[in-house]
Amino acid sequence: MRITKLLLAGGLVLGGCMPSSKAPEPTAPPGTAAFFEQQRANCAARGGTFGNAPGDASKICFITPKDANQACRQGSDCEGHCLARSQTCAPVTPLFGCHEVLLSGGRRATVCLD
């Protein structure tokens, strides 16, 4: 069985791995307290928790999907990832670390997000 690895840099997390509901762009200068407060407020408005990404290099919005921990057989069964080992939808997005997931048709792949 072939395992595919997808590696994403931590910098892509803030923009590329957010859930599909688009939050307004912060208007304050990046890196300022006002910028992070705008991001925190946008995250809270989407039902998320604003916290540190691994390594504390950046802040990120963690969202609990509506289908978190529900049974799944393939990736399309979940808002986030379908975890292969437990065959349940991921409890949070984004999901950091390396995880074996089920793709369409139940194919397995290893997805890594730093």
C-alpha atoms as a PDB file:
ATOM      1  CA  MET A   1       0.000   0.000   0.000  1.00  0.00           C
ATOM      2  CA  ARG A   2       1.418   3.359  -0.976  1.00  0.00           C
ATOM      3  CA  ILE A   3       1.474   6.097   1.650  1.00  0.00           C
ATOM      4  CA  THR A   4       1.420   9.696   0.512  1.00  0.00           C
ATOM      5  CA  LYS A   5       2.919  12.425   2.661  1.00  0.00           C
ATOM      6  CA  LEU A   6       1.727  15.990   2.536  1.00  0.00           C
ATOM      7  CA  LEU A   7       3.950  18.435   4.365  1.00  0.00           C
ATOM      8  CA  LEU A   8       2.827  21.979   4.950  1.00  0.00           C
ATOM      9  CA  ALA A   9       4.898  24.757   6.447  1.00  0.00           C
ATOM     10  CA  GLY A  10       3.535  26.430   9.544  1.00  0.00           C
ATOM     11  CA  GLY A  11       3.242  29.731   7.683  1.00  0.00           C
ATOM     12  CA  LEU A  12       0.497  28.330   5.445  1.00  0.00           C
ATOM     13  CA  VAL A  13      -1.641  27.524   8.435  1.00  0.00           C
ATOM     14  CA  LEU A  14      -3.016  30.989   9.049  1.00  0.00           C
ATOM     15  CA  GLY A  15      -4.390  31.459   5.552  1.00  0.00           C
ATOM     16  CA  GLY A  16      -4.562  28.129   3.797  1.00  0.00           C
ATOM     17  CA  CYS A  17      -5.982  25.698   6.301  1.00  0.00           C
ATOM     18  CA  MET A  18      -8.828  27.654   7.751  1.00  0.00           C
ATOM     19  CA  PRO A  19     -12.314  26.239   7.474  1.00  0.00           C
ATOM     20  CA  SER A  20     -14.256  27.397   4.435  1.00  0.00           C
ATOM     21  CA  SER A  21     -16.243  30.188   6.124  1.00  0.00           C
ATOM     22  CA  LYS A  22     -14.153  33.219   5.169  1.00  0.00           C
ATOM     23  CA  ALA A  23     -13.374  35.673   7.945  1.00  0.00           C
ATOM     24  CA  PRO A  24     -12.791  39.330   7.147  1.00  0.00           C
ATOM     25  CA  GLU A  25      -9.149  40.272   6.708  1.00  0.00           C
ATOM     26  CA  PRO A  26      -7.652  42.150   9.686  1.00  0.00           C
ATOM     27  CA  THR A  27      -7.207  45.860   8.970  1.00  0.00           C
ATOM     28  CA  ALA A  28      -4.542  46.508  11.613  1.00  0.00           C
ATOM     29  CA  PRO A  29      -0.844  46.202  10.699  1.00  0.00           C
ATOM     30  CA  PRO A  30       0.385  42.567  10.928  1.00  0.00           C
ATOM     31  CA  GLY A  31       2.122  41.644  14.155  1.00  0.00           C
ATOM     32  CA  THR A  32       0.460  44.357  16.228  1.00  0.00           C
ATOM     33  CA  ALA A  33      -1.737  43.724  19.239  1.00  0.00           C
ATOM     34  CA  ALA A  34      -4.702  45.140  17.290  1.00  0.00           C
ATOM     35  CA  PHE A  35      -4.043  42.691  14.439  1.00  0.00           C
ATOM     36  CA  PHE A  36      -4.091  39.690  16.792  1.00  0.00           C
ATOM     37  CA  GLU A  37      -7.196  41.020  18.548  1.00  0.00           C
ATOM     38  CA  GLN A  38      -8.988  41.278  15.182  1.00  0.00           C
ATOM     39  CA  GLN A  39      -7.937  37.711  14.344  1.00  0.00           C
ATOM     40  CA  ARG A  40      -9.091  36.499  17.779  1.00  0.00           C
ATOM     41  CA  ALA A  41     -12.478  38.212  17.337  1.00  0.00           C
ATOM     42  CA  ASN A  42     -12.900  36.735  13.821  1.00  0.00           C
ATOM     43  CA  CYS A  43     -12.065  33.298  15.182  1.00  0.00           C
ATOM     44  CA  ALA A  44     -14.528  33.598  18.076  1.00  0.00           C
ATOM     45  CA  ALA A  45     -17.245  34.765  15.660  1.00  0.00           C
ATOM     46  CA  ARG A  46     -16.761  31.488  13.745  1.00  0.00           C
ATOM     47  CA  GLY A  47     -16.964  29.435  16.954  1.00  0.00           C
ATOM     48  CA  GLY A  48     -13.235  28.805  17.151  1.00  0.00           C
ATOM     49  CA  THR A  49     -10.535  29.079  19.776  1.00  0.00           C
ATOM     50  CA  PHE A  50      -7.595  31.373  19.019  1.00  0.00           C
ATOM     51  CA  GLY A  51      -4.337  29.915  20.286  1.00  0.00           C
ATOM     52  CA  ASN A  52      -0.699  29.142  19.643  1.00  0.00           C
ATOM     53  CA  ALA A  53       0.321  26.961  16.742  1.00  0.00           C
ATOM     54  CA  PRO A  54       2.935  24.291  17.550  1.00  0.00           C
ATOM     55  CA  GLY A  55       6.249  25.905  18.382  1.00  0.00           C
ATOM     56  CA  ASP A  56       4.450  29.090  19.467  1.00  0.00           C
ATOM     57  CA  ALA A  57       5.649  30.768  16.246  1.00  0.00           C
ATOM     58  CA  SER A  58       2.202  31.989  15.252  1.00  0.00           C
ATOM     59  CA  LYS A  59      -1.385  32.209  16.410  1.00  0.00           C
ATOM     60  CA  ILE A  60      -4.145  30.229  14.746  1.00  0.00           C
ATOM     61  CA  CYS A  61      -7.883  29.642  14.891  1.00  0.00           C
ATOM     62  CA  PHE A  62      -8.789  26.106  15.987  1.00  0.00           C
ATOM     63  CA  ILE A  63     -12.283  25.030  14.943  1.00  0.00           C
ATOM     64  CA  THR A  64     -14.199  22.024  16.243  1.00  0.00           C
ATOM     65  CA  PRO A  65     -16.049  20.630  13.190  1.00  0.00           C
ATOM     66  CA  LYS A  66     -19.756  19.828  13.546  1.00  0.00           C
ATOM     67  CA  ASP A  67     -18.978  16.168  12.786  1.00  0.00           C
ATOM     68  CA  ALA A  68     -16.035  15.869  15.210  1.00  0.00           C
ATOM     69  CA  ASN A  69     -15.592  12.303  16.520  1.00  0.00           C
ATOM     70  CA  GLN A  70     -18.403  10.897  14.350  1.00  0.00           C
ATOM     71  CA  ALA A  71     -17.820   7.644  12.455  1.00  0.00           C
ATOM     72  CA  CYS A  72     -16.407   7.889   8.917  1.00  0.00           C
ATOM     73  CA  ARG A  73     -15.193   5.582   6.156  1.00  0.00           C
ATOM     74  CA  GLN A  74     -13.620   8.119   3.772  1.00  0.00           C
ATOM     75  CA  GLY A  75     -12.499  11.725   3.651  1.00  0.00           C
ATOM     76  CA  SER A  76     -15.710  13.061   2.140  1.00  0.00           C
ATOM     77  CA  ASP A  77     -17.611  11.895   5.238  1.00  0.00           C
ATOM     78  CA  CYS A  78     -15.964  14.667   7.297  1.00  0.00           C
ATOM     79  CA  GLU A  79     -15.566  18.434   7.296  1.00  0.00           C
ATOM     80  CA  GLY A  80     -11.899  17.895   8.201  1.00  0.00           C
ATOM     81  CA  HIS A  81      -9.986  14.613   8.037  1.00  0.00           C
ATOM     82  CA  CYS A  82     -11.306  11.082   8.512  1.00  0.00           C
ATOM     83  CA  LEU A  83      -8.803   9.484  10.898  1.00  0.00           C
ATOM     84  CA  ALA A  84      -7.859   5.987   9.722  1.00  0.00           C
ATOM     85  CA  ARG A  85      -7.078   4.389  13.085  1.00  0.00           C
ATOM     86  CA  SER A  86     -10.322   5.333  14.833  1.00  0.00           C
ATOM     87  CA  GLN A  87     -12.423   5.790  11.689  1.00  0.00           C
ATOM     88  CA  THR A  88     -13.775   9.005  13.178  1.00  0.00           C
ATOM     89  CA  CYS A  89     -13.794  12.597  11.955  1.00  0.00           C
ATOM     90  CA  ALA A  90     -10.972  14.721  13.344  1.00  0.00           C
ATOM     91  CA  PRO A  91     -11.840  16.553  16.570  1.00  0.00           C
ATOM     92  CA  VAL A  92     -10.281  19.849  15.434  1.00  0.00           C
ATOM     93  CA  THR A  93      -9.065  21.700  12.356  1.00  0.00           C
ATOM     94  CA  PRO A  94      -6.323  22.258  11.590  1.00  0.00           C
ATOM     95  CA  LEU A  95      -4.924  18.970  12.863  1.00  0.00           C
ATOM     96  CA  PHE A  96      -1.204  19.322  13.620  1.00  0.00           C
ATOM     97  CA  GLY A  97       1.287  16.476  13.561  1.00  0.00           C
ATOM     98  CA  CYS A  98       1.283  13.385  11.342  1.00  0.00           C
ATOM     99  CA  HIS A  99      -1.905  11.372  11.063  1.00  0.00           C
ATOM    100  CA  GLU A 100      -3.003   8.474   8.902  1.00  0.00           C
ATOM    101  CA  VAL A 101      -6.248   9.513   7.231  1.00  0.00           C
ATOM    102  CA  LEU A 102      -8.787   7.960   4.910  1.00  0.00           C
ATOM    103  CA  LEU A 103      -9.187   9.631   1.526  1.00  0.00           C
ATOM    104  CA  SER A 104     -11.964   9.169  -1.037  1.00  0.00           C
ATOM    105  CA  GLY A 105     -12.720   5.513  -1.594  1.00  0.00           C
ATOM    106  CA  GLY A 106     -11.168   4.685   1.785  1.00  0.00           C
ATOM    107  CA  ARG A 107      -7.561   4.935   0.536  1.00  0.00           C
ATOM    108  CA  ARG A 108      -5.048   5.613   3.316  1.00  0.00           C
ATOM    109  CA  ALA A 109      -2.524   8.442   3.362  1.00  0.00           C
ATOM    110  CA  THR A 110      -0.321  10.069   5.955  1.00  0.00           C
ATOM    111  CA  VAL A 111      -0.895  13.797   6.311  1.00  0.00           C
ATOM    112  CA  CYS A 112       1.616  15.921   8.220  1.00  0.00           C
ATOM    113  CA  LEU A 113       1.096  19.515   9.277  1.00  0.00           C
ATOM    114  CA  ASP A 114       3.870  21.297  11.171  1.00  0.00           C
END
